[in-house]
């Protein structure tokens, strides 16, 4: 682990750690017909966090209950 990595990370409720080093991919959720726009944080080729896409004007930063 790189020294000072915790300085480039944020913590969400429940202790989930999200690194600022992660690449962010923008896509859509396929759980239902709404197709919410999402941002997927990817580290070492694996998704580490999914959240609503803040760049989307219609949905904002939110996801439906299934997402």
N, C-alpha and C. Protein backbone atom coordinates (compact mmCIF):
# COMPACT_ATOMS: atom_id res chain seq x y z
N UNK A 1 0.84 -1.18 0.00
CA UNK A 1 0.00 0.00 0.00
C UNK A 1 0.88 1.23 0.00
N UNK A 2 0.51 2.23 -0.77
CA UNK A 2 1.28 3.46 -0.87
C UNK A 2 1.17 4.26 0.41
N UNK A 3 2.27 4.88 0.77
CA UNK A 3 2.26 5.75 1.95
C UNK A 3 1.33 6.93 1.70
N UNK A 4 0.54 7.28 2.68
CA UNK A 4 -0.35 8.43 2.57
C UNK A 4 -1.61 8.17 1.77
N UNK A 5 -1.89 6.91 1.45
CA UNK A 5 -3.09 6.60 0.66
C UNK A 5 -4.35 7.06 1.38
N UNK A 6 -4.35 6.97 2.71
CA UNK A 6 -5.54 7.38 3.46
C UNK A 6 -5.83 8.87 3.29
N UNK A 7 -4.80 9.66 2.92
CA UNK A 7 -5.01 11.08 2.66
C UNK A 7 -5.80 11.30 1.37
N UNK A 8 -5.79 10.29 0.49
CA UNK A 8 -6.48 10.41 -0.79
C UNK A 8 -7.72 9.53 -0.81
N UNK A 9 -8.32 9.32 0.33
CA UNK A 9 -9.51 8.47 0.41
C UNK A 9 -10.57 9.17 1.23
N UNK A 10 -11.81 8.81 0.99
CA UNK A 10 -12.90 9.32 1.82
C UNK A 10 -13.68 8.13 2.36
N UNK A 11 -14.34 8.32 3.46
CA UNK A 11 -15.06 7.23 4.10
C UNK A 11 -16.55 7.52 4.08
N UNK A 12 -17.33 6.52 3.75
CA UNK A 12 -18.78 6.61 3.74
C UNK A 12 -19.32 5.92 4.98
N UNK A 13 -20.58 6.17 5.36
CA UNK A 13 -21.17 5.49 6.51
C UNK A 13 -20.98 3.98 6.41
N UNK A 14 -20.69 3.37 7.53
CA UNK A 14 -20.44 1.94 7.55
C UNK A 14 -18.97 1.60 7.37
N UNK A 15 -18.13 2.63 7.25
CA UNK A 15 -16.70 2.42 7.15
C UNK A 15 -16.18 2.09 5.77
N UNK A 16 -17.00 2.23 4.72
CA UNK A 16 -16.56 1.95 3.36
C UNK A 16 -15.55 3.01 2.95
N UNK A 17 -14.38 2.57 2.47
CA UNK A 17 -13.31 3.47 2.07
C UNK A 17 -13.28 3.58 0.56
N UNK A 18 -13.33 4.81 0.04
CA UNK A 18 -13.29 5.05 -1.39
C UNK A 18 -12.02 5.84 -1.70
N UNK A 19 -11.17 5.32 -2.56
CA UNK A 19 -9.91 5.97 -2.90
C UNK A 19 -10.13 7.01 -3.99
N UNK A 20 -9.45 8.13 -3.87
CA UNK A 20 -9.48 9.14 -4.92
C UNK A 20 -8.62 8.71 -6.10
N UNK A 21 -7.87 7.63 -5.94
CA UNK A 21 -7.04 7.10 -7.01
C UNK A 21 -7.86 6.27 -7.99
N UNK A 22 -9.09 5.94 -7.63
CA UNK A 22 -9.93 5.08 -8.47
C UNK A 22 -10.31 5.80 -9.76
N UNK A 23 -10.39 5.03 -10.82
CA UNK A 23 -10.89 5.54 -12.09
C UNK A 23 -12.41 5.54 -12.02
N UNK A 24 -13.05 6.54 -12.57
CA UNK A 24 -14.52 6.61 -12.52
C UNK A 24 -15.07 6.41 -13.92
N UNK A 25 -15.91 5.39 -14.06
CA UNK A 25 -16.57 5.08 -15.33
C UNK A 25 -18.04 5.49 -15.22
N UNK A 26 -18.58 6.13 -16.25
CA UNK A 26 -19.97 6.54 -16.26
C UNK A 26 -20.75 5.57 -17.16
N UNK A 27 -21.85 5.06 -16.64
CA UNK A 27 -22.66 4.10 -17.38
C UNK A 27 -24.11 4.20 -16.87
N UNK A 28 -24.93 3.22 -17.18
CA UNK A 28 -26.30 3.20 -16.67
C UNK A 28 -26.54 1.91 -15.91
N UNK A 29 -27.42 1.98 -14.94
CA UNK A 29 -27.79 0.81 -14.14
C UNK A 29 -28.79 -0.03 -14.95
N UNK A 30 -28.67 -1.33 -14.88
CA UNK A 30 -29.56 -2.22 -15.62
C UNK A 30 -30.52 -2.99 -14.74
N UNK A 31 -30.68 -2.55 -13.48
CA UNK A 31 -31.53 -3.29 -12.54
C UNK A 31 -33.02 -3.19 -12.86
N UNK A 32 -33.45 -2.10 -13.50
CA UNK A 32 -34.87 -1.94 -13.83
C UNK A 32 -35.01 -1.10 -15.10
N UNK A 33 -36.21 -0.74 -15.45
CA UNK A 33 -36.47 0.00 -16.69
C UNK A 33 -36.11 1.49 -16.60
N UNK A 34 -35.87 2.00 -15.41
CA UNK A 34 -35.55 3.43 -15.27
C UNK A 34 -34.20 3.77 -15.89
N UNK A 35 -33.24 2.87 -15.76
CA UNK A 35 -31.89 3.06 -16.31
C UNK A 35 -31.21 4.30 -15.73
N UNK A 36 -31.07 4.33 -14.42
CA UNK A 36 -30.42 5.45 -13.74
C UNK A 36 -28.97 5.60 -14.20
N UNK A 37 -28.51 6.83 -14.42
CA UNK A 37 -27.11 7.05 -14.76
C UNK A 37 -26.26 6.87 -13.50
N UNK A 38 -25.18 6.11 -13.61
CA UNK A 38 -24.35 5.84 -12.44
C UNK A 38 -22.87 6.12 -12.73
N UNK A 39 -22.13 6.34 -11.66
CA UNK A 39 -20.68 6.47 -11.70
C UNK A 39 -20.13 5.26 -10.95
N UNK A 40 -19.26 4.51 -11.60
CA UNK A 40 -18.66 3.32 -11.00
C UNK A 40 -17.18 3.60 -10.75
N UNK A 41 -16.75 3.50 -9.49
CA UNK A 41 -15.34 3.67 -9.13
C UNK A 41 -14.65 2.33 -9.35
N UNK A 42 -13.56 2.33 -10.11
CA UNK A 42 -12.85 1.11 -10.46
C UNK A 42 -11.40 1.20 -10.01
N UNK A 43 -10.96 0.19 -9.24
CA UNK A 43 -9.56 0.10 -8.83
C UNK A 43 -9.05 -1.29 -9.19
N UNK A 44 -7.90 -1.34 -9.83
CA UNK A 44 -7.29 -2.61 -10.24
C UNK A 44 -8.26 -3.45 -11.07
N UNK A 45 -9.06 -2.80 -11.91
CA UNK A 45 -9.98 -3.50 -12.79
C UNK A 45 -11.24 -4.02 -12.14
N UNK A 46 -11.47 -3.68 -10.86
CA UNK A 46 -12.66 -4.16 -10.15
C UNK A 46 -13.47 -2.98 -9.62
N UNK A 47 -14.81 -3.06 -9.73
CA UNK A 47 -15.64 -1.99 -9.18
C UNK A 47 -15.55 -1.97 -7.66
N UNK A 48 -15.38 -0.77 -7.09
CA UNK A 48 -15.28 -0.64 -5.64
C UNK A 48 -16.42 0.18 -5.03
N UNK A 49 -17.10 0.97 -5.86
CA UNK A 49 -18.19 1.81 -5.35
C UNK A 49 -19.08 2.21 -6.50
N UNK A 50 -20.39 2.28 -6.28
CA UNK A 50 -21.35 2.73 -7.29
C UNK A 50 -22.18 3.84 -6.66
N UNK A 51 -22.34 4.94 -7.40
CA UNK A 51 -23.16 6.05 -6.92
C UNK A 51 -23.84 6.70 -8.09
N UNK A 52 -24.83 7.54 -7.81
CA UNK A 52 -25.52 8.26 -8.86
C UNK A 52 -24.58 9.21 -9.57
N UNK A 53 -24.74 9.39 -10.86
CA UNK A 53 -23.90 10.28 -11.66
C UNK A 53 -24.30 11.72 -11.41
N UNK A 54 -23.41 12.51 -10.84
CA UNK A 54 -23.71 13.91 -10.52
C UNK A 54 -23.79 14.79 -11.76
N UNK A 55 -23.30 14.30 -12.89
CA UNK A 55 -23.33 15.08 -14.13
C UNK A 55 -24.67 14.99 -14.85
N UNK A 56 -25.57 14.16 -14.36
CA UNK A 56 -26.86 13.98 -15.02
C UNK A 56 -27.87 14.98 -14.48
N UNK A 57 -28.43 15.79 -15.36
CA UNK A 57 -29.36 16.85 -14.92
C UNK A 57 -30.71 16.29 -14.49
N UNK A 58 -31.17 15.21 -15.09
CA UNK A 58 -32.50 14.67 -14.78
C UNK A 58 -32.55 13.98 -13.42
N UNK A 59 -31.59 13.12 -13.12
CA UNK A 59 -31.62 12.34 -11.89
C UNK A 59 -30.75 12.93 -10.78
N UNK A 60 -29.82 13.81 -11.12
CA UNK A 60 -28.93 14.38 -10.13
C UNK A 60 -27.98 13.30 -9.60
N UNK A 61 -27.83 13.25 -8.31
CA UNK A 61 -26.90 12.30 -7.68
C UNK A 61 -27.65 11.09 -7.11
N UNK A 62 -28.92 10.95 -7.45
CA UNK A 62 -29.73 9.92 -6.81
C UNK A 62 -29.84 8.65 -7.67
N UNK A 63 -30.20 7.58 -7.00
CA UNK A 63 -30.51 6.30 -7.65
C UNK A 63 -31.87 5.85 -7.16
N UNK A 64 -32.53 4.99 -7.92
CA UNK A 64 -33.80 4.45 -7.44
C UNK A 64 -33.51 3.42 -6.34
N UNK A 65 -34.54 2.88 -5.74
CA UNK A 65 -34.38 1.93 -4.62
C UNK A 65 -33.65 0.65 -5.01
N UNK A 66 -33.75 0.26 -6.28
CA UNK A 66 -33.07 -0.97 -6.72
C UNK A 66 -31.58 -0.75 -6.92
N UNK A 67 -31.18 0.45 -7.28
CA UNK A 67 -29.77 0.75 -7.55
C UNK A 67 -29.02 0.91 -6.29
